Amino acid sequence: ALRDCRKRLADENNVPPYVIFHDVTLLQMATDKPQT
């Protein structure tokens, strides 16, 4: 779901997905599950 969100935002902004966030950032989001 995080990867899909990144891809959608990347497409909307005409940039590669890594410009939005790198994989390591998404992995930390998936692990830490920030709510704020």
PDB file of all heavy atoms in Angstrom:
ATOM      1  N   ALA A   1       0.838  -1.213   0.000  1.00  0.00           N
ATOM      2  CA  ALA A   1       0.000   0.000   0.000  1.00  0.00           C
ATOM      3  C   ALA A   1       0.869   1.257   0.000  1.00  0.00           C
ATOM      4  O   ALA A   1       0.559   2.238  -0.693  1.00  0.00           O
ATOM      5  CB  ALA A   1      -0.933  -0.009   1.206  1.00  0.00           C
ATOM      6  N   LEU A   2       1.956   1.240   0.758  1.00  0.00           N
ATOM      7  CA  LEU A   2       2.879   2.380   0.777  1.00  0.00           C
ATOM      8  C   LEU A   2       3.542   2.565  -0.586  1.00  0.00           C
ATOM      9  O   LEU A   2       3.682   3.688  -1.076  1.00  0.00           O
ATOM     10  CB  LEU A   2       3.935   2.198   1.867  1.00  0.00           C
ATOM     11  CG  LEU A   2       3.430   2.319   3.306  1.00  0.00           C
ATOM     12  CD1 LEU A   2       4.488   1.812   4.282  1.00  0.00           C
ATOM     13  CD2 LEU A   2       3.040   3.753   3.630  1.00  0.00           C
ATOM     14  N   ARG A   3       3.924   1.465  -1.206  1.00  0.00           N
ATOM     15  CA  ARG A   3       4.537   1.537  -2.537  1.00  0.00           C
ATOM     16  C   ARG A   3       3.541   2.061  -3.570  1.00  0.00           C
ATOM     17  O   ARG A   3       3.897   2.860  -4.433  1.00  0.00           O
ATOM     18  CB  ARG A   3       5.068   0.164  -2.955  1.00  0.00           C
ATOM     19  CG  ARG A   3       6.278  -0.257  -2.109  1.00  0.00           C
ATOM     20  CD  ARG A   3       6.869  -1.556  -2.578  1.00  0.00           C
ATOM     21  NE  ARG A   3       7.546  -1.331  -3.840  1.00  0.00           N
ATOM     22  CZ  ARG A   3       7.435  -2.125  -4.913  1.00  0.00           C
ATOM     23  NH1 ARG A   3       6.691  -3.198  -4.869  1.00  0.00           N
ATOM     24  NH2 ARG A   3       8.087  -1.851  -6.005  1.00  0.00           N
ATOM     25  N   ASP A   4       2.293   1.613  -3.473  1.00  0.00           N
ATOM     26  CA  ASP A   4       1.259   2.098  -4.391  1.00  0.00           C
ATOM     27  C   ASP A   4       1.029   3.596  -4.225  1.00  0.00           C
ATOM     28  O   ASP A   4       0.880   4.325  -5.216  1.00  0.00           O
ATOM     29  CB  ASP A   4      -0.060   1.349  -4.168  1.00  0.00           C
ATOM     30  CG  ASP A   4      -0.006  -0.101  -4.625  1.00  0.00           C
ATOM     31  OD1 ASP A   4       0.930  -0.472  -5.369  1.00  0.00           O
ATOM     32  OD2 ASP A   4      -0.901  -0.877  -4.227  1.00  0.00           O
ATOM     33  N   CYS A   5       1.008   4.053  -2.983  1.00  0.00           N
ATOM     34  CA  CYS A   5       0.835   5.472  -2.700  1.00  0.00           C
ATOM     35  C   CYS A   5       2.000   6.273  -3.287  1.00  0.00           C
ATOM     36  O   CYS A   5       1.796   7.309  -3.932  1.00  0.00           O
ATOM     37  CB  CYS A   5       0.737   5.692  -1.190  1.00  0.00           C
ATOM     38  SG  CYS A   5       0.518   7.409  -0.694  1.00  0.00           S
ATOM     39  N   ARG A   6       3.218   5.781  -3.081  1.00  0.00           N
ATOM     40  CA  ARG A   6       4.400   6.460  -3.618  1.00  0.00           C
ATOM     41  C   ARG A   6       4.341   6.521  -5.136  1.00  0.00           C
ATOM     42  O   ARG A   6       4.628   7.566  -5.732  1.00  0.00           O
ATOM     43  CB  ARG A   6       5.669   5.721  -3.161  1.00  0.00           C
ATOM     44  CG  ARG A   6       6.933   6.298  -3.751  1.00  0.00           C
ATOM     45  CD  ARG A   6       8.166   5.598  -3.275  1.00  0.00           C
ATOM     46  NE  ARG A   6       8.225   4.224  -3.760  1.00  0.00           N
ATOM     47  CZ  ARG A   6       9.217   3.393  -3.503  1.00  0.00           C
ATOM     48  NH1 ARG A   6      10.233   3.778  -2.746  1.00  0.00           N
ATOM     49  NH2 ARG A   6       9.211   2.172  -3.972  1.00  0.00           N
ATOM     50  N   LYS A   7       3.943   5.443  -5.782  1.00  0.00           N
ATOM     51  CA  LYS A   7       3.859   5.398  -7.243  1.00  0.00           C
ATOM     52  C   LYS A   7       2.815   6.394  -7.757  1.00  0.00           C
ATOM     53  O   LYS A   7       3.047   7.118  -8.721  1.00  0.00           O
ATOM     54  CB  LYS A   7       3.516   3.968  -7.691  1.00  0.00           C
ATOM     55  CG  LYS A   7       3.297   3.811  -9.175  1.00  0.00           C
ATOM     56  CD  LYS A   7       4.579   3.906  -9.954  1.00  0.00           C
ATOM     57  CE  LYS A   7       4.356   3.485 -11.394  1.00  0.00           C
ATOM     58  NZ  LYS A   7       4.731   4.509 -12.348  1.00  0.00           N
ATOM     59  N   ARG A   8       1.668   6.427  -7.090  1.00  0.00           N
ATOM     60  CA  ARG A   8       0.606   7.360  -7.497  1.00  0.00           C
ATOM     61  C   ARG A   8       1.094   8.806  -7.385  1.00  0.00           C
ATOM     62  O   ARG A   8       0.921   9.607  -8.308  1.00  0.00           O
ATOM     63  CB  ARG A   8      -0.630   7.150  -6.622  1.00  0.00           C
ATOM     64  CG  ARG A   8      -1.771   8.096  -6.942  1.00  0.00           C
ATOM     65  CD  ARG A   8      -2.987   7.844  -6.069  1.00  0.00           C
ATOM     66  NE  ARG A   8      -2.727   7.863  -4.643  1.00  0.00           N
ATOM     67  CZ  ARG A   8      -2.581   8.974  -3.905  1.00  0.00           C
ATOM     68  NH1 ARG A   8      -2.660  10.160  -4.469  1.00  0.00           N
ATOM     69  NH2 ARG A   8      -2.364   8.884  -2.616  1.00  0.00           N
ATOM     70  N   LEU A   9       1.731   9.146  -6.267  1.00  0.00           N
ATOM     71  CA  LEU A   9       2.241  10.499  -6.075  1.00  0.00           C
ATOM     72  C   LEU A   9       3.357  10.818  -7.072  1.00  0.00           C
ATOM     73  O   LEU A   9       3.436  11.943  -7.583  1.00  0.00           O
ATOM     74  CB  LEU A   9       2.742  10.679  -4.643  1.00  0.00           C
ATOM     75  CG  LEU A   9       1.656  10.708  -3.568  1.00  0.00           C
ATOM     76  CD1 LEU A   9       2.284  10.613  -2.184  1.00  0.00           C
ATOM     77  CD2 LEU A   9       0.793  11.938  -3.696  1.00  0.00           C
ATOM     78  N   ALA A  10       4.197   9.851  -7.353  1.00  0.00           N
ATOM     79  CA  ALA A  10       5.270  10.053  -8.325  1.00  0.00           C
ATOM     80  C   ALA A  10       4.691  10.330  -9.709  1.00  0.00           C
ATOM     81  O   ALA A  10       5.145  11.245 -10.413  1.00  0.00           O
ATOM     82  CB  ALA A  10       6.187   8.834  -8.360  1.00  0.00           C
ATOM     83  N   ASP A  11       3.686   9.560 -10.091  1.00  0.00           N
ATOM     84  CA  ASP A  11       3.047   9.772 -11.393  1.00  0.00           C
ATOM     85  C   ASP A  11       2.389  11.150 -11.465  1.00  0.00           C
ATOM     86  O   ASP A  11       2.508  11.848 -12.466  1.00  0.00           O
ATOM     87  CB  ASP A  11       2.016   8.679 -11.680  1.00  0.00           C
ATOM     88  CG  ASP A  11       2.650   7.316 -11.952  1.00  0.00           C
ATOM     89  OD1 ASP A  11       3.883   7.249 -12.167  1.00  0.00           O
ATOM     90  OD2 ASP A  11       1.909   6.310 -11.935  1.00  0.00           O
ATOM     91  N   GLU A  12       1.712  11.538 -10.398  1.00  0.00           N
ATOM     92  CA  GLU A  12       1.047  12.841 -10.359  1.00  0.00           C
ATOM     93  C   GLU A  12       2.038  13.990 -10.461  1.00  0.00           C
ATOM     94  O   GLU A  12       1.723  15.049 -11.006  1.00  0.00           O
ATOM     95  CB  GLU A  12       0.250  12.993  -9.061  1.00  0.00           C
ATOM     96  CG  GLU A  12      -1.000  12.152  -8.993  1.00  0.00           C
ATOM     97  CD  GLU A  12      -1.670  12.200  -7.624  1.00  0.00           C
ATOM     98  OE1 GLU A  12      -1.240  12.989  -6.749  1.00  0.00           O
ATOM     99  OE2 GLU A  12      -2.637  11.437  -7.431  1.00  0.00           O
ATOM    100  N   ASN A  13       3.242  13.788  -9.926  1.00  0.00           N
ATOM    101  CA  ASN A  13       4.263  14.842  -9.902  1.00  0.00           C
ATOM    102  C   ASN A  13       5.309  14.691 -10.999  1.00  0.00           C
ATOM    103  O   ASN A  13       6.269  15.452 -11.038  1.00  0.00           O
ATOM    104  CB  ASN A  13       4.928  14.881  -8.526  1.00  0.00           C
ATOM    105  CG  ASN A  13       3.999  15.407  -7.459  1.00  0.00           C
ATOM    106  OD1 ASN A  13       3.812  16.606  -7.336  1.00  0.00           O
ATOM    107  ND2 ASN A  13       3.383  14.517  -6.693  1.00  0.00           N
ATOM    108  N   ASN A  14       5.121  13.666 -11.854  1.00  0.00           N
ATOM    109  CA  ASN A  14       6.055  13.406 -12.958  1.00  0.00           C
ATOM    110  C   ASN A  14       7.500  13.276 -12.493  1.00  0.00           C
ATOM    111  O   ASN A  14       8.419  13.876 -13.059  1.00  0.00           O
ATOM    112  CB  ASN A  14       5.941  14.502 -14.031  1.00  0.00           C
ATOM    113  CG  ASN A  14       4.584  14.506 -14.692  1.00  0.00           C
ATOM    114  OD1 ASN A  14       4.079  13.463 -15.102  1.00  0.00           O
ATOM    115  ND2 ASN A  14       3.973  15.675 -14.771  1.00  0.00           N
ATOM    116  N   VAL A  15       7.695  12.498 -11.429  1.00  0.00           N
ATOM    117  CA  VAL A  15       9.031  12.227 -10.906  1.00  0.00           C
ATOM    118  C   VAL A  15       9.155  10.722 -10.657  1.00  0.00           C
ATOM    119  O   VAL A  15       8.153  10.029 -10.517  1.00  0.00           O
ATOM    120  CB  VAL A  15       9.314  13.001  -9.595  1.00  0.00           C
ATOM    121  CG1 VAL A  15       9.305  14.503  -9.830  1.00  0.00           C
ATOM    122  CG2 VAL A  15       8.335  12.615  -8.497  1.00  0.00           C
ATOM    123  N   PRO A  16      10.381  10.202 -10.588  1.00  0.00           N
ATOM    124  CA  PRO A  16      10.560   8.794 -10.232  1.00  0.00           C
ATOM    125  C   PRO A  16      10.121   8.573  -8.781  1.00  0.00           C
ATOM    126  O   PRO A  16      10.228   9.485  -7.946  1.00  0.00           O
ATOM    127  CB  PRO A  16      12.058   8.553 -10.386  1.00  0.00           C
ATOM    128  CG  PRO A  16      12.635   9.770 -10.998  1.00  0.00           C
ATOM    129  CD  PRO A  16      11.638  10.873 -10.878  1.00  0.00           C
ATOM    130  N   PRO A  17       9.633   7.370  -8.452  1.00  0.00           N
ATOM    131  CA  PRO A  17       9.163   7.104  -7.089  1.00  0.00           C
ATOM    132  C   PRO A  17      10.172   7.408  -5.983  1.00  0.00           C
ATOM    133  O   PRO A  17       9.795   7.888  -4.920  1.00  0.00           O
ATOM    134  CB  PRO A  17       8.814   5.609  -7.125  1.00  0.00           C
ATOM    135  CG  PRO A  17       8.459   5.354  -8.550  1.00  0.00           C
ATOM    136  CD  PRO A  17       9.379   6.238  -9.350  1.00  0.00           C
ATOM    137  N   TYR A  18      11.472   7.167  -6.237  1.00  0.00           N
ATOM    138  CA  TYR A  18      12.463   7.405  -5.192  1.00  0.00           C
ATOM    139  C   TYR A  18      12.556   8.877  -4.795  1.00  0.00           C
ATOM    140  O   TYR A  18      13.033   9.205  -3.707  1.00  0.00           O
ATOM    141  CB  TYR A  18      13.842   6.855  -5.579  1.00  0.00           C
ATOM    142  CG  TYR A  18      14.531   7.609  -6.680  1.00  0.00           C
ATOM    143  CD1 TYR A  18      15.252   8.768  -6.412  1.00  0.00           C
ATOM    144  CD2 TYR A  18      14.475   7.164  -7.993  1.00  0.00           C
ATOM    145  CE1 TYR A  18      15.885   9.467  -7.427  1.00  0.00           C
ATOM    146  CE2 TYR A  18      15.094   7.847  -9.012  1.00  0.00           C
ATOM    147  CZ  TYR A  18      15.800   9.008  -8.720  1.00  0.00           C
ATOM    148  OH  TYR A  18      16.427   9.699  -9.725  1.00  0.00           O
ATOM    149  N   VAL A  19      12.093   9.774  -5.665  1.00  0.00           N
ATOM    150  CA  VAL A  19      12.094  11.198  -5.325  1.00  0.00           C
ATOM    151  C   VAL A  19      11.072  11.474  -4.220  1.00  0.00           C
ATOM    152  O   VAL A  19      11.277  12.345  -3.377  1.00  0.00           O
ATOM    153  CB  VAL A  19      11.813  12.066  -6.573  1.00  0.00           C
ATOM    154  CG1 VAL A  19      11.573  13.519  -6.216  1.00  0.00           C
ATOM    155  CG2 VAL A  19      12.962  11.936  -7.565  1.00  0.00           C
ATOM    156  N   ILE A  20       9.981  10.716  -4.213  1.00  0.00           N
ATOM    157  CA  ILE A  20       8.976  10.866  -3.161  1.00  0.00           C
ATOM    158  C   ILE A  20       9.572  10.349  -1.850  1.00  0.00           C
ATOM    159  O   ILE A  20       9.730  11.109  -0.908  1.00  0.00           O
ATOM    160  CB  ILE A  20       7.676  10.097  -3.516  1.00  0.00           C
ATOM    161  CG1 ILE A  20       7.133  10.508  -4.891  1.00  0.00           C
ATOM    162  CG2 ILE A  20       6.630  10.277  -2.411  1.00  0.00           C
ATOM    163  CD1 ILE A  20       6.705  11.944  -5.031  1.00  0.00           C
ATOM    164  N   PHE A  21       9.886   9.069  -1.777  1.00  0.00           N
ATOM    165  CA  PHE A  21      10.578   8.461  -0.632  1.00  0.00           C
ATOM    166  C   PHE A  21      11.339   7.242  -1.114  1.00  0.00           C
ATOM    167  O   PHE A  21      10.874   6.521  -1.990  1.00  0.00           O
ATOM    168  CB  PHE A  21       9.596   8.011   0.464  1.00  0.00           C
ATOM    169  CG  PHE A  21       8.946   9.126   1.227  1.00  0.00           C
ATOM    170  CD1 PHE A  21       7.565   9.226   1.283  1.00  0.00           C
ATOM    171  CD2 PHE A  21       9.696  10.065   1.907  1.00  0.00           C
ATOM    172  CE1 PHE A  21       6.949  10.255   1.988  1.00  0.00           C
ATOM    173  CE2 PHE A  21       9.086  11.102   2.615  1.00  0.00           C
ATOM    174  CZ  PHE A  21       7.706  11.190   2.646  1.00  0.00           C
ATOM    175  N   HIS A  22      12.501   6.991  -0.518  1.00  0.00           N
ATOM    176  CA  HIS A  22      13.279   5.794  -0.816  1.00  0.00           C
ATOM    177  C   HIS A  22      12.644   4.582  -0.134  1.00  0.00           C
ATOM    178  O   HIS A  22      11.865   4.719   0.811  1.00  0.00           O
ATOM    179  CB  HIS A  22      14.722   5.956  -0.327  1.00  0.00           C
ATOM    180  CG  HIS A  22      15.519   6.917  -1.137  1.00  0.00           C
ATOM    181  ND1 HIS A  22      16.120   6.570  -2.320  1.00  0.00           N
ATOM    182  CD2 HIS A  22      15.792   8.238  -0.950  1.00  0.00           C
ATOM    183  CE1 HIS A  22      16.742   7.626  -2.826  1.00  0.00           C
ATOM    184  NE2 HIS A  22      16.559   8.650  -2.013  1.00  0.00           N
ATOM    185  N   ASP A  23      13.010   3.391  -0.605  1.00  0.00           N
ATOM    186  CA  ASP A  23      12.497   2.150  -0.019  1.00  0.00           C
ATOM    187  C   ASP A  23      12.757   2.072   1.484  1.00  0.00           C
ATOM    188  O   ASP A  23      11.897   1.625   2.244  1.00  0.00           O
ATOM    189  CB  ASP A  23      13.126   0.923  -0.696  1.00  0.00           C
ATOM    190  CG  ASP A  23      12.479   0.572  -2.024  1.00  0.00           C
ATOM    191  OD1 ASP A  23      11.465   1.206  -2.394  1.00  0.00           O
ATOM    192  OD2 ASP A  23      12.978  -0.349  -2.687  1.00  0.00           O
ATOM    193  N   VAL A  24      13.932   2.504   1.912  1.00  0.00           N
ATOM    194  CA  VAL A  24      14.270   2.414   3.338  1.00  0.00           C
ATOM    195  C   VAL A  24      13.293   3.248   4.169  1.00  0.00           C
ATOM    196  O   VAL A  24      12.918   2.854   5.278  1.00  0.00           O
ATOM    197  CB  VAL A  24      15.742   2.816   3.602  1.00  0.00           C
ATOM    198  CG1 VAL A  24      15.979   4.290   3.370  1.00  0.00           C
ATOM    199  CG2 VAL A  24      16.164   2.413   4.997  1.00  0.00           C
ATOM    200  N   THR A  25      12.832   4.366   3.623  1.00  0.00           N
ATOM    201  CA  THR A  25      11.857   5.205   4.321  1.00  0.00           C
ATOM    202  C   THR A  25      10.517   4.487   4.417  1.00  0.00           C
ATOM    203  O   THR A  25       9.884   4.467   5.479  1.00  0.00           O
ATOM    204  CB  THR A  25      11.710   6.559   3.602  1.00  0.00           C
ATOM    205  OG1 THR A  25      12.995   7.195   3.547  1.00  0.00           O
ATOM    206  CG2 THR A  25      10.730   7.471   4.310  1.00  0.00           C
ATOM    207  N   LEU A  26      10.099   3.869   3.306  1.00  0.00           N
ATOM    208  CA  LEU A  26       8.836   3.119   3.323  1.00  0.00           C
ATOM    209  C   LEU A  26       8.909   1.933   4.282  1.00  0.00           C
ATOM    210  O   LEU A  26       7.944   1.631   4.988  1.00  0.00           O
ATOM    211  CB  LEU A  26       8.477   2.631   1.916  1.00  0.00           C
ATOM    212  CG  LEU A  26       8.205   3.698   0.863  1.00  0.00           C
ATOM    213  CD1 LEU A  26       7.699   3.038  -0.419  1.00  0.00           C
ATOM    214  CD2 LEU A  26       7.233   4.743   1.339  1.00  0.00           C
ATOM    215  N   LEU A  27      10.054   1.263   4.321  1.00  0.00           N
ATOM    216  CA  LEU A  27      10.218   0.136   5.249  1.00  0.00           C
ATOM    217  C   LEU A  27      10.099   0.596   6.698  1.00  0.00           C
ATOM    218  O   LEU A  27       9.479  -0.084   7.523  1.00  0.00           O
ATOM    219  CB  LEU A  27      11.567  -0.559   5.018  1.00  0.00           C
ATOM    220  CG  LEU A  27      11.638  -1.455   3.796  1.00  0.00           C
ATOM    221  CD1 LEU A  27      13.078  -1.892   3.545  1.00  0.00           C
ATOM    222  CD2 LEU A  27      10.737  -2.662   3.966  1.00  0.00           C
ATOM    223  N   GLN A  28      10.687   1.741   7.003  1.00  0.00           N
ATOM    224  CA  GLN A  28      10.592   2.255   8.367  1.00  0.00           C
ATOM    225  C   GLN A  28       9.146   2.639   8.682  1.00  0.00           C
ATOM    226  O   GLN A  28       8.668   2.418   9.790  1.00  0.00           O
ATOM    227  CB  GLN A  28      11.535   3.438   8.576  1.00  0.00           C
ATOM    228  CG  GLN A  28      11.662   3.820  10.035  1.00  0.00           C
ATOM    229  CD  GLN A  28      12.698   4.888  10.291  1.00  0.00           C
ATOM    230  OE1 GLN A  28      13.464   5.272   9.431  1.00  0.00           O
ATOM    231  NE2 GLN A  28      12.718   5.385  11.516  1.00  0.00           N
ATOM    232  N   MET A  29       8.424   3.201   7.687  1.00  0.00           N
ATOM    233  CA  MET A  29       6.999   3.510   7.897  1.00  0.00           C
ATOM    234  C   MET A  29       6.216   2.229   8.178  1.00  0.00           C
ATOM    235  O   MET A  29       5.351   2.198   9.068  1.00  0.00           O
ATOM    236  CB  MET A  29       6.408   4.190   6.670  1.00  0.00           C
ATOM    237  CG  MET A  29       6.786   5.619   6.491  1.00  0.00           C
ATOM    238  SD  MET A  29       5.941   6.277   5.028  1.00  0.00           S
ATOM    239  CE  MET A  29       6.976   7.680   4.656  1.00  0.00           C
ATOM    240  N   ALA A  30       6.513   1.176   7.423  1.00  0.00           N
ATOM    241  CA  ALA A  30       5.804  -0.093   7.593  1.00  0.00           C
ATOM    242  C   ALA A  30       6.102  -0.716   8.961  1.00  0.00           C
ATOM    243  O   ALA A  30       5.251  -1.372   9.552  1.00  0.00           O
ATOM    244  CB  ALA A  30       6.175  -1.063   6.475  1.00  0.00           C
ATOM    245  N   THR A  31       7.301  -0.487   9.463  1.00  0.00           N
ATOM    246  CA  THR A  31       7.702  -1.033  10.758  1.00  0.00           C
ATOM    247  C   THR A  31       7.169  -0.193  11.917  1.00  0.00           C
ATOM    248  O   THR A  31       6.570  -0.717  12.850  1.00  0.00           O
ATOM    249  CB  THR A  31       9.244  -1.105  10.847  1.00  0.00           C
ATOM    250  OG1 THR A  31       9.724  -1.930   9.780  1.00  0.00           O
ATOM    251  CG2 THR A  31       9.694  -1.672  12.180  1.00  0.00           C
ATOM    252  N   ASP A  32       7.366   1.130  11.820  1.00  0.00           N
ATOM    253  CA  ASP A  32       7.010   2.021  12.932  1.00  0.00           C
ATOM    254  C   ASP A  32       5.529   2.409  12.939  1.00  0.00           C
ATOM    255  O   ASP A  32       4.992   2.764  13.975  1.00  0.00           O
ATOM    256  CB  ASP A  32       7.856   3.293  12.888  1.00  0.00           C
ATOM    257  CG  ASP A  32       9.328   3.023  13.133  1.00  0.00           C
ATOM    258  OD1 ASP A  32       9.698   1.867  13.410  1.00  0.00           O
ATOM    259  OD2 ASP A  32      10.115   3.988  13.040  1.00  0.00           O
ATOM    260  N   LYS A  33       4.886   2.369  11.766  1.00  0.00           N
ATOM    261  CA  LYS A  33       3.464   2.711  11.618  1.00  0.00           C
ATOM    262  C   LYS A  33       3.120   4.040  12.293  1.00  0.00           C
ATOM    263  O   LYS A  33       2.297   4.096  13.212  1.00  0.00           O
ATOM    264  CB  LYS A  33       2.595   1.583  12.145  1.00  0.00           C
ATOM    265  CG  LYS A  33       2.803   0.303  11.384  1.00  0.00           C
ATOM    266  CD  LYS A  33       1.992  -0.837  11.952  1.00  0.00           C
ATOM    267  CE  LYS A  33       2.245  -2.071  11.112  1.00  0.00           C
ATOM    268  NZ  LYS A  33       2.303  -3.284  11.858  1.00  0.00           N
ATOM    269  N   PRO A  34       3.741   5.133  11.844  1.00  0.00           N
ATOM    270  CA  PRO A  34       3.478   6.440  12.465  1.00  0.00           C
ATOM    271  C   PRO A  34       2.019   6.859  12.301  1.00  0.00           C
ATOM    272  O   PRO A  34       1.421   6.638  11.251  1.00  0.00           O
ATOM    273  CB  PRO A  34       4.413   7.378  11.700  1.00  0.00           C
ATOM    274  CG  PRO A  34       4.626   6.721  10.381  1.00  0.00           C
ATOM    275  CD  PRO A  34       4.599   5.244  10.674  1.00  0.00           C
ATOM    276  N   GLN A  35       1.463   7.455  13.348  1.00  0.00           N
ATOM    277  CA  GLN A  35       0.062   7.872  13.338  1.00  0.00           C
ATOM    278  C   GLN A  35      -0.109   9.385  13.364  1.00  0.00           C
ATOM    279  O   GLN A  35      -1.216   9.885  13.226  1.00  0.00           O
ATOM    280  CB  GLN A  35      -0.664   7.265  14.544  1.00  0.00           C
ATOM    281  CG  GLN A  35      -0.718   5.752  14.512  1.00  0.00           C
ATOM    282  CD  GLN A  35      -1.495   5.237  13.318  1.00  0.00           C
ATOM    283  OE1 GLN A  35      -2.655   5.577  13.130  1.00  0.00           O
ATOM    284  NE2 GLN A  35      -0.857   4.435  12.484  1.00  0.00           N
ATOM    285  N   THR A  36       0.995  10.111  13.555  1.00  0.00           N
ATOM    286  CA  THR A  36       0.937  11.570  13.622  1.00  0.00           C
ATOM    287  C   THR A  36       2.007  12.163  12.721  1.00  0.00           C
ATOM    288  O   THR A  36       2.971  11.480  12.336  1.00  0.00           O
ATOM    289  CB  THR A  36       1.184  12.072  15.054  1.00  0.00           C
ATOM    290  OG1 THR A  36       2.535  11.741  15.432  1.00  0.00           O
ATOM    291  CG2 THR A  36       0.200  11.471  16.049  1.00  0.00           C
TER     292      THR A  36
END
